[in-house]
């Protein structure tokens, strides 16, 4: 575990494989090894924890979403200093489609008293390129959250190990 500015971070998969005696003595599948840091990060991301960079957010999302077989839509609720208040999977769907309802997203953000949020979902196909419907729902979410003064900082699409940021593309 790493402690940076009071924030605990799980090491990456390579670090676990290199530094864990069990990993060298027991045959562990790649999929099992990839889920291990995600489980640790879930335990470490308590209220008040900060993601130290956009790279840390991407790593965390990759661990949570990259290997899922069905689409999931996850929200990270942040305070004014962008510290994590909570994270929650708001929607789970079929193999290729998630129906996202802005009302549910706004309700969850208000429940956590969030000042800002990030949303992300996975494409189990492994292709991270945002669809037209991804862009449309992002715009609808931004409009709905703006009405209650909550900033939507980004919508990230995870496809395998690749992540595309709609904000970086100028679509937010």
N, C-alpha and C. Protein backbone atom coordinates (compact mmCIF):
# COMPACT_ATOMS: atom_id res chain seq x y z
N UNK A 1 0.85 -1.18 0.00
CA UNK A 1 0.00 0.00 0.00
C UNK A 1 0.89 1.24 0.00
N UNK A 2 0.47 2.26 -0.68
CA UNK A 2 1.18 3.52 -0.72
C UNK A 2 0.38 4.57 0.02
N UNK A 3 1.05 5.43 0.75
CA UNK A 3 0.37 6.52 1.43
C UNK A 3 0.95 7.80 0.87
N UNK A 4 0.12 8.58 0.18
CA UNK A 4 0.54 9.83 -0.43
C UNK A 4 -0.38 10.93 0.05
N UNK A 5 0.17 11.91 0.73
CA UNK A 5 -0.62 13.03 1.26
C UNK A 5 -1.84 12.54 2.03
N UNK A 6 -1.66 11.50 2.82
CA UNK A 6 -2.75 10.99 3.63
C UNK A 6 -3.75 10.14 2.88
N UNK A 7 -3.49 9.84 1.60
CA UNK A 7 -4.40 9.04 0.79
C UNK A 7 -3.77 7.68 0.52
N UNK A 8 -4.47 6.62 0.90
CA UNK A 8 -3.96 5.28 0.65
C UNK A 8 -4.30 4.88 -0.78
N UNK A 9 -3.33 4.30 -1.45
CA UNK A 9 -3.54 3.85 -2.82
C UNK A 9 -3.08 2.40 -2.93
N UNK A 10 -3.84 1.61 -3.65
CA UNK A 10 -3.44 0.23 -3.89
C UNK A 10 -2.40 0.20 -4.99
N UNK A 11 -1.44 -0.69 -4.88
CA UNK A 11 -0.45 -0.82 -5.95
C UNK A 11 -1.10 -1.41 -7.19
N UNK A 12 -0.40 -1.27 -8.31
CA UNK A 12 -0.96 -1.85 -9.53
C UNK A 12 -0.74 -3.36 -9.55
N UNK A 13 -1.32 -4.03 -10.51
CA UNK A 13 -1.28 -5.49 -10.59
C UNK A 13 0.16 -6.01 -10.64
N UNK A 14 1.03 -5.34 -11.40
CA UNK A 14 2.42 -5.79 -11.48
C UNK A 14 3.09 -5.75 -10.12
N UNK A 15 2.83 -4.68 -9.33
CA UNK A 15 3.42 -4.58 -8.00
C UNK A 15 2.95 -5.71 -7.10
N UNK A 16 1.68 -6.05 -7.19
CA UNK A 16 1.16 -7.13 -6.36
C UNK A 16 1.83 -8.45 -6.74
N UNK A 17 1.95 -8.71 -8.03
CA UNK A 17 2.56 -9.96 -8.48
C UNK A 17 4.02 -10.03 -8.04
N UNK A 18 4.72 -8.91 -8.08
CA UNK A 18 6.13 -8.87 -7.74
C UNK A 18 6.36 -8.95 -6.24
N UNK A 19 5.49 -8.36 -5.43
CA UNK A 19 5.72 -8.23 -4.00
C UNK A 19 4.91 -9.16 -3.12
N UNK A 20 4.10 -10.00 -3.68
CA UNK A 20 3.29 -10.89 -2.88
C UNK A 20 3.83 -12.31 -2.98
N UNK A 21 4.35 -12.86 -1.86
CA UNK A 21 4.89 -14.22 -1.91
C UNK A 21 3.87 -15.23 -2.42
N UNK A 22 2.62 -15.06 -2.05
CA UNK A 22 1.58 -15.99 -2.48
C UNK A 22 1.48 -16.00 -4.00
N UNK A 23 1.61 -14.84 -4.62
CA UNK A 23 1.49 -14.76 -6.07
C UNK A 23 2.59 -15.55 -6.76
N UNK A 24 3.76 -15.65 -6.14
CA UNK A 24 4.83 -16.40 -6.76
C UNK A 24 4.73 -17.89 -6.48
N UNK A 25 3.98 -18.29 -5.46
CA UNK A 25 3.87 -19.69 -5.09
C UNK A 25 2.61 -20.36 -5.60
N UNK A 26 1.60 -19.59 -5.93
CA UNK A 26 0.31 -20.13 -6.32
C UNK A 26 -0.02 -19.65 -7.72
N UNK A 27 -0.61 -20.52 -8.51
CA UNK A 27 -1.05 -20.13 -9.84
C UNK A 27 -2.30 -19.27 -9.70
N UNK A 28 -2.22 -18.01 -10.09
CA UNK A 28 -3.35 -17.09 -10.02
C UNK A 28 -3.65 -16.65 -11.45
N UNK A 29 -4.90 -16.76 -11.84
CA UNK A 29 -5.26 -16.35 -13.20
C UNK A 29 -5.14 -14.83 -13.32
N UNK A 30 -4.93 -14.36 -14.53
CA UNK A 30 -4.83 -12.92 -14.78
C UNK A 30 -6.09 -12.22 -14.31
N UNK A 31 -7.25 -12.81 -14.58
CA UNK A 31 -8.52 -12.20 -14.18
C UNK A 31 -8.61 -12.07 -12.65
N UNK A 32 -8.19 -13.13 -11.93
CA UNK A 32 -8.22 -13.07 -10.47
C UNK A 32 -7.26 -12.02 -9.95
N UNK A 33 -6.08 -11.94 -10.55
CA UNK A 33 -5.09 -10.97 -10.12
C UNK A 33 -5.57 -9.55 -10.38
N UNK A 34 -6.28 -9.34 -11.50
CA UNK A 34 -6.79 -8.01 -11.81
C UNK A 34 -7.88 -7.59 -10.82
N UNK A 35 -8.64 -8.53 -10.28
CA UNK A 35 -9.71 -8.14 -9.36
C UNK A 35 -9.18 -7.84 -7.97
N UNK A 36 -8.01 -8.36 -7.62
CA UNK A 36 -7.47 -8.15 -6.29
C UNK A 36 -7.25 -6.68 -5.95
N UNK A 37 -6.54 -5.89 -6.78
CA UNK A 37 -6.37 -4.48 -6.42
C UNK A 37 -7.70 -3.74 -6.38
N UNK A 38 -8.63 -4.11 -7.23
CA UNK A 38 -9.94 -3.46 -7.21
C UNK A 38 -10.63 -3.64 -5.88
N UNK A 39 -10.53 -4.84 -5.33
CA UNK A 39 -11.13 -5.10 -4.02
C UNK A 39 -10.45 -4.27 -2.95
N UNK A 40 -9.12 -4.14 -3.05
CA UNK A 40 -8.41 -3.33 -2.07
C UNK A 40 -8.78 -1.86 -2.20
N UNK A 41 -8.86 -1.37 -3.43
CA UNK A 41 -9.21 0.03 -3.64
C UNK A 41 -10.60 0.32 -3.10
N UNK A 42 -11.53 -0.60 -3.32
CA UNK A 42 -12.88 -0.41 -2.79
C UNK A 42 -12.84 -0.22 -1.28
N UNK A 43 -12.01 -0.99 -0.60
CA UNK A 43 -11.92 -0.88 0.84
C UNK A 43 -11.22 0.42 1.25
N UNK A 44 -10.30 0.90 0.43
CA UNK A 44 -9.51 2.07 0.78
C UNK A 44 -10.18 3.38 0.43
N UNK A 45 -11.09 3.37 -0.51
CA UNK A 45 -11.74 4.60 -0.94
C UNK A 45 -12.90 4.92 -0.01
N UNK A 46 -12.54 5.38 1.16
CA UNK A 46 -13.54 5.75 2.14
C UNK A 46 -13.88 7.22 1.97
N UNK A 47 -14.99 7.67 2.55
CA UNK A 47 -15.33 9.09 2.47
C UNK A 47 -14.16 9.96 2.90
N UNK A 48 -13.93 11.01 2.13
CA UNK A 48 -12.83 11.92 2.42
C UNK A 48 -11.56 11.60 1.64
N UNK A 49 -11.47 10.42 1.05
CA UNK A 49 -10.29 10.06 0.27
C UNK A 49 -10.27 10.89 -1.01
N UNK A 50 -9.07 11.18 -1.46
CA UNK A 50 -8.92 11.95 -2.69
C UNK A 50 -8.25 11.10 -3.75
N UNK A 51 -8.67 11.28 -4.98
CA UNK A 51 -7.92 10.73 -6.09
C UNK A 51 -6.85 11.77 -6.37
N UNK A 52 -5.59 11.37 -6.41
CA UNK A 52 -4.51 12.33 -6.52
C UNK A 52 -4.29 12.85 -7.94
N UNK A 53 -4.89 12.20 -8.93
CA UNK A 53 -4.73 12.64 -10.32
C UNK A 53 -5.80 12.00 -11.18
N UNK A 54 -5.94 12.51 -12.40
CA UNK A 54 -6.88 11.88 -13.33
C UNK A 54 -6.41 10.47 -13.67
N UNK A 55 -5.10 10.25 -13.62
CA UNK A 55 -4.55 8.91 -13.86
C UNK A 55 -5.04 7.94 -12.78
N UNK A 56 -5.09 8.40 -11.53
CA UNK A 56 -5.57 7.55 -10.43
C UNK A 56 -7.04 7.21 -10.62
N UNK A 57 -7.83 8.17 -11.09
CA UNK A 57 -9.25 7.91 -11.35
C UNK A 57 -9.38 6.85 -12.44
N UNK A 58 -8.61 7.01 -13.51
CA UNK A 58 -8.66 6.05 -14.62
C UNK A 58 -8.26 4.65 -14.15
N UNK A 59 -7.20 4.57 -13.36
CA UNK A 59 -6.77 3.26 -12.85
C UNK A 59 -7.87 2.62 -12.02
N UNK A 60 -8.48 3.41 -11.16
CA UNK A 60 -9.55 2.90 -10.29
C UNK A 60 -10.73 2.41 -11.13
N UNK A 61 -11.14 3.21 -12.11
CA UNK A 61 -12.26 2.81 -12.96
C UNK A 61 -11.92 1.57 -13.79
N UNK A 62 -10.70 1.51 -14.27
CA UNK A 62 -10.28 0.34 -15.04
C UNK A 62 -10.41 -0.93 -14.19
N UNK A 63 -9.98 -0.84 -12.94
CA UNK A 63 -10.08 -1.99 -12.04
C UNK A 63 -11.53 -2.37 -11.77
N UNK A 64 -12.40 -1.38 -11.70
CA UNK A 64 -13.79 -1.64 -11.37
C UNK A 64 -14.59 -2.15 -12.57
N UNK A 65 -14.30 -1.65 -13.76
CA UNK A 65 -15.20 -1.86 -14.89
C UNK A 65 -14.65 -2.66 -16.07
N UNK A 66 -13.34 -2.76 -16.21
CA UNK A 66 -12.76 -3.30 -17.44
C UNK A 66 -13.13 -4.75 -17.73
N UNK A 67 -13.34 -5.56 -16.72
CA UNK A 67 -13.57 -6.98 -16.97
C UNK A 67 -15.03 -7.40 -16.82
N UNK A 68 -15.93 -6.43 -16.68
CA UNK A 68 -17.34 -6.77 -16.51
C UNK A 68 -17.93 -7.32 -17.80
N UNK A 69 -18.88 -8.22 -17.65
CA UNK A 69 -19.52 -8.82 -18.81
C UNK A 69 -20.80 -8.10 -19.20
N UNK A 70 -21.29 -7.22 -18.35
CA UNK A 70 -22.48 -6.43 -18.63
C UNK A 70 -22.16 -4.96 -18.38
N UNK A 71 -22.87 -4.10 -19.09
CA UNK A 71 -22.65 -2.67 -18.88
C UNK A 71 -23.07 -2.28 -17.47
N UNK A 72 -22.24 -1.45 -16.85
CA UNK A 72 -22.58 -0.84 -15.57
C UNK A 72 -22.30 0.64 -15.67
N UNK A 73 -23.15 1.42 -15.04
CA UNK A 73 -23.02 2.87 -15.00
C UNK A 73 -22.73 3.24 -13.55
N UNK A 74 -21.57 3.81 -13.31
CA UNK A 74 -21.09 4.11 -11.96
C UNK A 74 -20.94 5.62 -11.80
N UNK A 75 -21.24 6.10 -10.61
CA UNK A 75 -21.08 7.52 -10.30
C UNK A 75 -20.14 7.67 -9.11
N UNK A 76 -19.27 8.66 -9.19
CA UNK A 76 -18.40 9.04 -8.08
C UNK A 76 -18.85 10.41 -7.62
N UNK A 77 -19.24 10.50 -6.37
CA UNK A 77 -19.79 11.73 -5.80
C UNK A 77 -18.68 12.44 -5.03
N UNK A 78 -18.47 13.72 -5.34
CA UNK A 78 -17.35 14.47 -4.80
C UNK A 78 -17.82 15.71 -4.06
N UNK A 79 -16.99 16.16 -3.10
CA UNK A 79 -17.30 17.41 -2.41
C UNK A 79 -16.66 18.58 -3.17
N UNK A 80 -16.68 19.78 -2.57
CA UNK A 80 -16.14 20.98 -3.24
C UNK A 80 -14.64 20.89 -3.54
N UNK A 81 -13.92 20.11 -2.74
CA UNK A 81 -12.48 19.94 -2.96
C UNK A 81 -12.20 18.68 -3.79
N UNK A 82 -13.23 18.13 -4.38
CA UNK A 82 -13.15 16.92 -5.21
C UNK A 82 -12.66 15.71 -4.44
N UNK A 83 -12.95 15.68 -3.15
CA UNK A 83 -12.71 14.48 -2.34
C UNK A 83 -13.90 13.55 -2.52
N UNK A 84 -13.62 12.28 -2.51
CA UNK A 84 -14.66 11.28 -2.70
C UNK A 84 -15.60 11.24 -1.50
N UNK A 85 -16.89 11.41 -1.76
CA UNK A 85 -17.91 11.24 -0.73
C UNK A 85 -18.38 9.79 -0.76
N UNK A 86 -18.67 9.31 -1.95
CA UNK A 86 -19.16 7.94 -2.14
C UNK A 86 -19.07 7.57 -3.61
N UNK A 87 -19.17 6.30 -3.87
CA UNK A 87 -19.31 5.82 -5.25
C UNK A 87 -20.41 4.78 -5.25
N UNK A 88 -21.13 4.73 -6.35
CA UNK A 88 -22.27 3.82 -6.41
C UNK A 88 -22.53 3.41 -7.86
N UNK A 89 -22.79 2.13 -8.06
CA UNK A 89 -23.25 1.67 -9.36
C UNK A 89 -24.74 1.95 -9.42
N UNK A 90 -25.13 2.83 -10.33
CA UNK A 90 -26.53 3.26 -10.41
C UNK A 90 -27.35 2.41 -11.36
N UNK A 91 -26.72 1.86 -12.39
CA UNK A 91 -27.45 1.07 -13.38
C UNK A 91 -26.61 -0.11 -13.83
N UNK A 92 -27.25 -1.24 -13.97
CA UNK A 92 -26.64 -2.43 -14.55
C UNK A 92 -27.59 -2.90 -15.64
N UNK A 93 -27.03 -3.34 -16.74
CA UNK A 93 -27.92 -3.64 -17.86
C UNK A 93 -27.50 -4.87 -18.63
N UNK A 94 -27.94 -4.89 -19.87
CA UNK A 94 -27.67 -6.01 -20.75
C UNK A 94 -26.23 -5.96 -21.23
N UNK A 95 -25.89 -6.88 -22.07
CA UNK A 95 -24.52 -6.98 -22.57
C UNK A 95 -24.10 -5.76 -23.38
N UNK A 96 -25.06 -5.03 -23.96
CA UNK A 96 -24.66 -3.91 -24.82
C UNK A 96 -25.47 -2.64 -24.63
N UNK A 97 -26.23 -2.52 -23.56
CA UNK A 97 -27.03 -1.30 -23.40
C UNK A 97 -27.38 -1.05 -21.93
N UNK A 98 -27.23 0.19 -21.51
CA UNK A 98 -27.64 0.61 -20.18
C UNK A 98 -28.61 1.76 -20.34
N UNK A 99 -29.75 1.67 -19.72
CA UNK A 99 -30.72 2.77 -19.72
C UNK A 99 -30.42 3.65 -18.51
N UNK A 100 -29.94 4.86 -18.75
CA UNK A 100 -29.58 5.80 -17.68
C UNK A 100 -30.68 6.83 -17.55
N UNK A 101 -31.18 7.00 -16.35
CA UNK A 101 -32.24 7.97 -16.09
C UNK A 101 -31.66 9.16 -15.31
N UNK A 102 -31.64 10.36 -15.89
CA UNK A 102 -31.09 11.53 -15.19
C UNK A 102 -31.70 11.75 -13.81
N UNK A 103 -32.98 11.47 -13.66
CA UNK A 103 -33.65 11.65 -12.37
C UNK A 103 -32.97 10.83 -11.28
N UNK A 104 -32.61 9.59 -11.58
CA UNK A 104 -31.95 8.71 -10.60
C UNK A 104 -30.56 9.24 -10.26
N UNK A 105 -29.84 9.73 -11.26
CA UNK A 105 -28.50 10.28 -11.04
C UNK A 105 -28.58 11.52 -10.15
N UNK A 106 -29.50 12.42 -10.45
CA UNK A 106 -29.66 13.64 -9.64
C UNK A 106 -30.07 13.27 -8.22
N UNK A 107 -30.99 12.35 -8.07
CA UNK A 107 -31.44 11.93 -6.74
C UNK A 107 -30.27 11.38 -5.91
N UNK A 108 -29.43 10.55 -6.52
CA UNK A 108 -28.27 10.00 -5.81
C UNK A 108 -27.28 11.10 -5.44
N UNK A 109 -27.04 12.04 -6.35
CA UNK A 109 -26.11 13.14 -6.07
C UNK A 109 -26.61 13.99 -4.90
N UNK A 110 -27.91 14.22 -4.86
CA UNK A 110 -28.49 14.99 -3.75
C UNK A 110 -28.43 14.21 -2.45
N UNK A 111 -28.63 12.89 -2.53
CA UNK A 111 -28.56 12.04 -1.34
C UNK A 111 -27.19 12.18 -0.67
N UNK A 112 -26.13 12.24 -1.48
CA UNK A 112 -24.77 12.34 -0.96
C UNK A 112 -24.32 13.78 -0.77
N UNK A 113 -25.19 14.74 -1.08
CA UNK A 113 -24.85 16.16 -0.97
C UNK A 113 -23.58 16.48 -1.77
N UNK A 114 -23.52 15.95 -2.97
CA UNK A 114 -22.34 16.12 -3.82
C UNK A 114 -22.31 17.52 -4.42
N UNK A 115 -21.10 18.07 -4.54
CA UNK A 115 -20.90 19.34 -5.23
C UNK A 115 -20.49 19.09 -6.68
N UNK A 116 -19.91 17.93 -6.91
CA UNK A 116 -19.45 17.56 -8.26
C UNK A 116 -19.50 16.05 -8.38
N UNK A 117 -19.41 15.59 -9.61
CA UNK A 117 -19.38 14.15 -9.79
C UNK A 117 -18.74 13.76 -11.11
N UNK A 118 -18.30 12.53 -11.13
CA UNK A 118 -17.80 11.87 -12.34
C UNK A 118 -18.72 10.69 -12.58
N UNK A 119 -19.00 10.41 -13.83
CA UNK A 119 -19.75 9.20 -14.15
C UNK A 119 -18.91 8.38 -15.12
N UNK A 120 -19.14 7.09 -15.10
CA UNK A 120 -18.41 6.19 -15.99
C UNK A 120 -19.26 4.97 -16.27
N UNK A 121 -19.04 4.40 -17.42
CA UNK A 121 -19.67 3.12 -17.71
C UNK A 121 -18.74 2.31 -18.60
N UNK A 122 -19.01 1.02 -18.64
CA UNK A 122 -18.15 0.14 -19.43
C UNK A 122 -18.86 -0.32 -20.70
N UNK A 123 -18.04 -0.60 -21.67
CA UNK A 123 -18.49 -1.26 -22.89
C UNK A 123 -17.87 -2.66 -22.86
N UNK A 124 -18.65 -3.68 -22.50
CA UNK A 124 -18.10 -5.04 -22.42
C UNK A 124 -17.50 -5.54 -23.74
N UNK A 125 -17.85 -4.90 -24.84
CA UNK A 125 -17.29 -5.28 -26.14
C UNK A 125 -15.79 -5.02 -26.20
N UNK A 126 -15.29 -4.17 -25.29
CA UNK A 126 -13.88 -3.82 -25.29
C UNK A 126 -13.57 -2.56 -26.08
N UNK A 127 -14.55 -1.98 -26.75
CA UNK A 127 -14.36 -0.76 -27.53
C UNK A 127 -14.80 0.43 -26.69
N UNK A 128 -13.86 1.31 -26.37
CA UNK A 128 -14.14 2.43 -25.48
C UNK A 128 -14.73 3.65 -26.20
N UNK A 129 -14.81 3.61 -27.50
CA UNK A 129 -15.32 4.78 -28.24
C UNK A 129 -16.76 5.08 -27.82
N UNK A 130 -17.02 6.32 -27.35
CA UNK A 130 -18.38 6.68 -26.94
C UNK A 130 -19.35 6.66 -28.12
N UNK A 131 -20.54 6.15 -27.86
CA UNK A 131 -21.58 6.11 -28.89
C UNK A 131 -22.32 7.45 -28.91
N UNK A 132 -23.15 7.64 -29.91
CA UNK A 132 -23.99 8.84 -29.96
C UNK A 132 -24.90 8.90 -28.75
N UNK A 133 -25.42 7.75 -28.31
CA UNK A 133 -26.30 7.77 -27.13
C UNK A 133 -25.50 8.11 -25.87
N UNK A 134 -24.22 7.73 -25.80
CA UNK A 134 -23.37 8.13 -24.67
C UNK A 134 -23.25 9.65 -24.63
N UNK A 135 -23.05 10.26 -25.78
CA UNK A 135 -22.93 11.72 -25.85
C UNK A 135 -24.24 12.39 -25.47
N UNK A 136 -25.36 11.84 -25.95
CA UNK A 136 -26.67 12.43 -25.63
C UNK A 136 -26.98 12.35 -24.14
N UNK A 137 -26.73 11.20 -23.51
CA UNK A 137 -27.05 11.08 -22.09
C UNK A 137 -26.12 11.97 -21.26
N UNK A 138 -24.89 12.14 -21.71
CA UNK A 138 -23.97 13.04 -21.00
C UNK A 138 -24.51 14.46 -21.00
N UNK A 139 -25.01 14.91 -22.13
CA UNK A 139 -25.59 16.25 -22.22
C UNK A 139 -26.82 16.37 -21.33
N UNK A 140 -27.67 15.36 -21.34
CA UNK A 140 -28.87 15.38 -20.50
C UNK A 140 -28.50 15.39 -19.01
N UNK A 141 -27.50 14.60 -18.64
CA UNK A 141 -27.05 14.58 -17.24
C UNK A 141 -26.48 15.93 -16.83
N UNK A 142 -25.66 16.52 -17.71
CA UNK A 142 -25.09 17.83 -17.40
C UNK A 142 -26.19 18.86 -17.18
N UNK A 143 -27.19 18.88 -18.06
CA UNK A 143 -28.30 19.83 -17.92
C UNK A 143 -29.06 19.59 -16.62
N UNK A 144 -29.37 18.35 -16.31
CA UNK A 144 -30.12 18.03 -15.09
C UNK A 144 -29.33 18.39 -13.84
N UNK A 145 -28.05 18.08 -13.82
CA UNK A 145 -27.21 18.38 -12.66
C UNK A 145 -26.98 19.88 -12.51
N UNK A 146 -26.86 20.60 -13.62
CA UNK A 146 -26.71 22.06 -13.57
C UNK A 146 -27.89 22.71 -12.85
N UNK A 147 -29.08 22.15 -13.01
CA UNK A 147 -30.27 22.72 -12.37
C UNK A 147 -30.19 22.70 -10.85
N UNK A 148 -29.40 21.77 -10.30
CA UNK A 148 -29.25 21.68 -8.84
C UNK A 148 -27.82 22.01 -8.41
N UNK A 149 -27.10 22.75 -9.25
CA UNK A 149 -25.75 23.24 -8.95
C UNK A 149 -24.75 22.14 -8.61
N UNK A 150 -24.80 21.06 -9.35
CA UNK A 150 -23.81 19.99 -9.21
C UNK A 150 -23.05 19.91 -10.52
N UNK A 151 -21.72 19.99 -10.44
CA UNK A 151 -20.88 19.98 -11.63
C UNK A 151 -20.61 18.54 -12.10
N UNK A 152 -20.88 18.28 -13.35
CA UNK A 152 -20.49 17.01 -13.96
C UNK A 152 -19.11 17.23 -14.57
N UNK A 153 -18.09 16.66 -13.94
CA UNK A 153 -16.71 16.90 -14.35
C UNK A 153 -16.30 16.07 -15.56
N UNK A 154 -16.82 14.86 -15.65
CA UNK A 154 -16.45 14.01 -16.79
C UNK A 154 -17.37 12.80 -16.86
N UNK A 155 -17.43 12.24 -18.03
CA UNK A 155 -18.07 10.95 -18.29
C UNK A 155 -17.00 10.12 -18.99
N UNK A 156 -16.61 9.03 -18.37
CA UNK A 156 -15.56 8.18 -18.90
C UNK A 156 -16.15 6.87 -19.37
N UNK A 157 -15.69 6.42 -20.52
CA UNK A 157 -16.15 5.15 -21.09
C UNK A 157 -14.97 4.17 -21.05
N UNK A 158 -15.19 3.04 -20.39
CA UNK A 158 -14.16 2.03 -20.23
C UNK A 158 -14.45 0.88 -21.19
N UNK A 159 -13.50 0.58 -22.03
CA UNK A 159 -13.60 -0.56 -22.94
C UNK A 159 -12.33 -1.37 -22.84
N UNK A 160 -12.37 -2.48 -22.16
CA UNK A 160 -11.15 -3.23 -21.90
C UNK A 160 -10.23 -2.37 -21.06
N UNK A 161 -9.00 -2.22 -21.46
CA UNK A 161 -8.04 -1.41 -20.70
C UNK A 161 -8.01 0.04 -21.18
N UNK A 162 -8.75 0.36 -22.23
CA UNK A 162 -8.79 1.72 -22.76
C UNK A 162 -9.92 2.52 -22.10
N UNK A 163 -9.66 3.80 -21.87
CA UNK A 163 -10.67 4.69 -21.30
C UNK A 163 -10.71 5.97 -22.14
N UNK A 164 -11.92 6.38 -22.51
CA UNK A 164 -12.11 7.61 -23.26
C UNK A 164 -12.86 8.60 -22.38
N UNK A 165 -12.34 9.82 -22.30
CA UNK A 165 -12.96 10.90 -21.54
C UNK A 165 -13.75 11.81 -22.48
N UNK A 166 -15.04 11.96 -22.19
CA UNK A 166 -15.85 12.87 -23.00
C UNK A 166 -15.42 14.32 -22.77
N UNK A 167 -14.97 14.66 -21.57
CA UNK A 167 -14.51 16.02 -21.29
C UNK A 167 -13.26 16.33 -22.12
N UNK A 168 -12.33 15.39 -22.19
CA UNK A 168 -11.11 15.61 -22.97
C UNK A 168 -11.41 15.76 -24.46
N UNK A 169 -12.48 15.16 -24.90
CA UNK A 169 -12.88 15.29 -26.30
C UNK A 169 -13.65 16.59 -26.56
N UNK A 170 -13.94 17.34 -25.49
CA UNK A 170 -14.69 18.58 -25.65
C UNK A 170 -16.19 18.37 -25.75
N UNK A 171 -16.67 17.21 -25.33
CA UNK A 171 -18.09 16.88 -25.44
C UNK A 171 -18.84 17.09 -24.14
N UNK A 172 -18.24 17.79 -23.22
CA UNK A 172 -18.89 18.03 -21.94
C UNK A 172 -18.78 19.50 -21.58
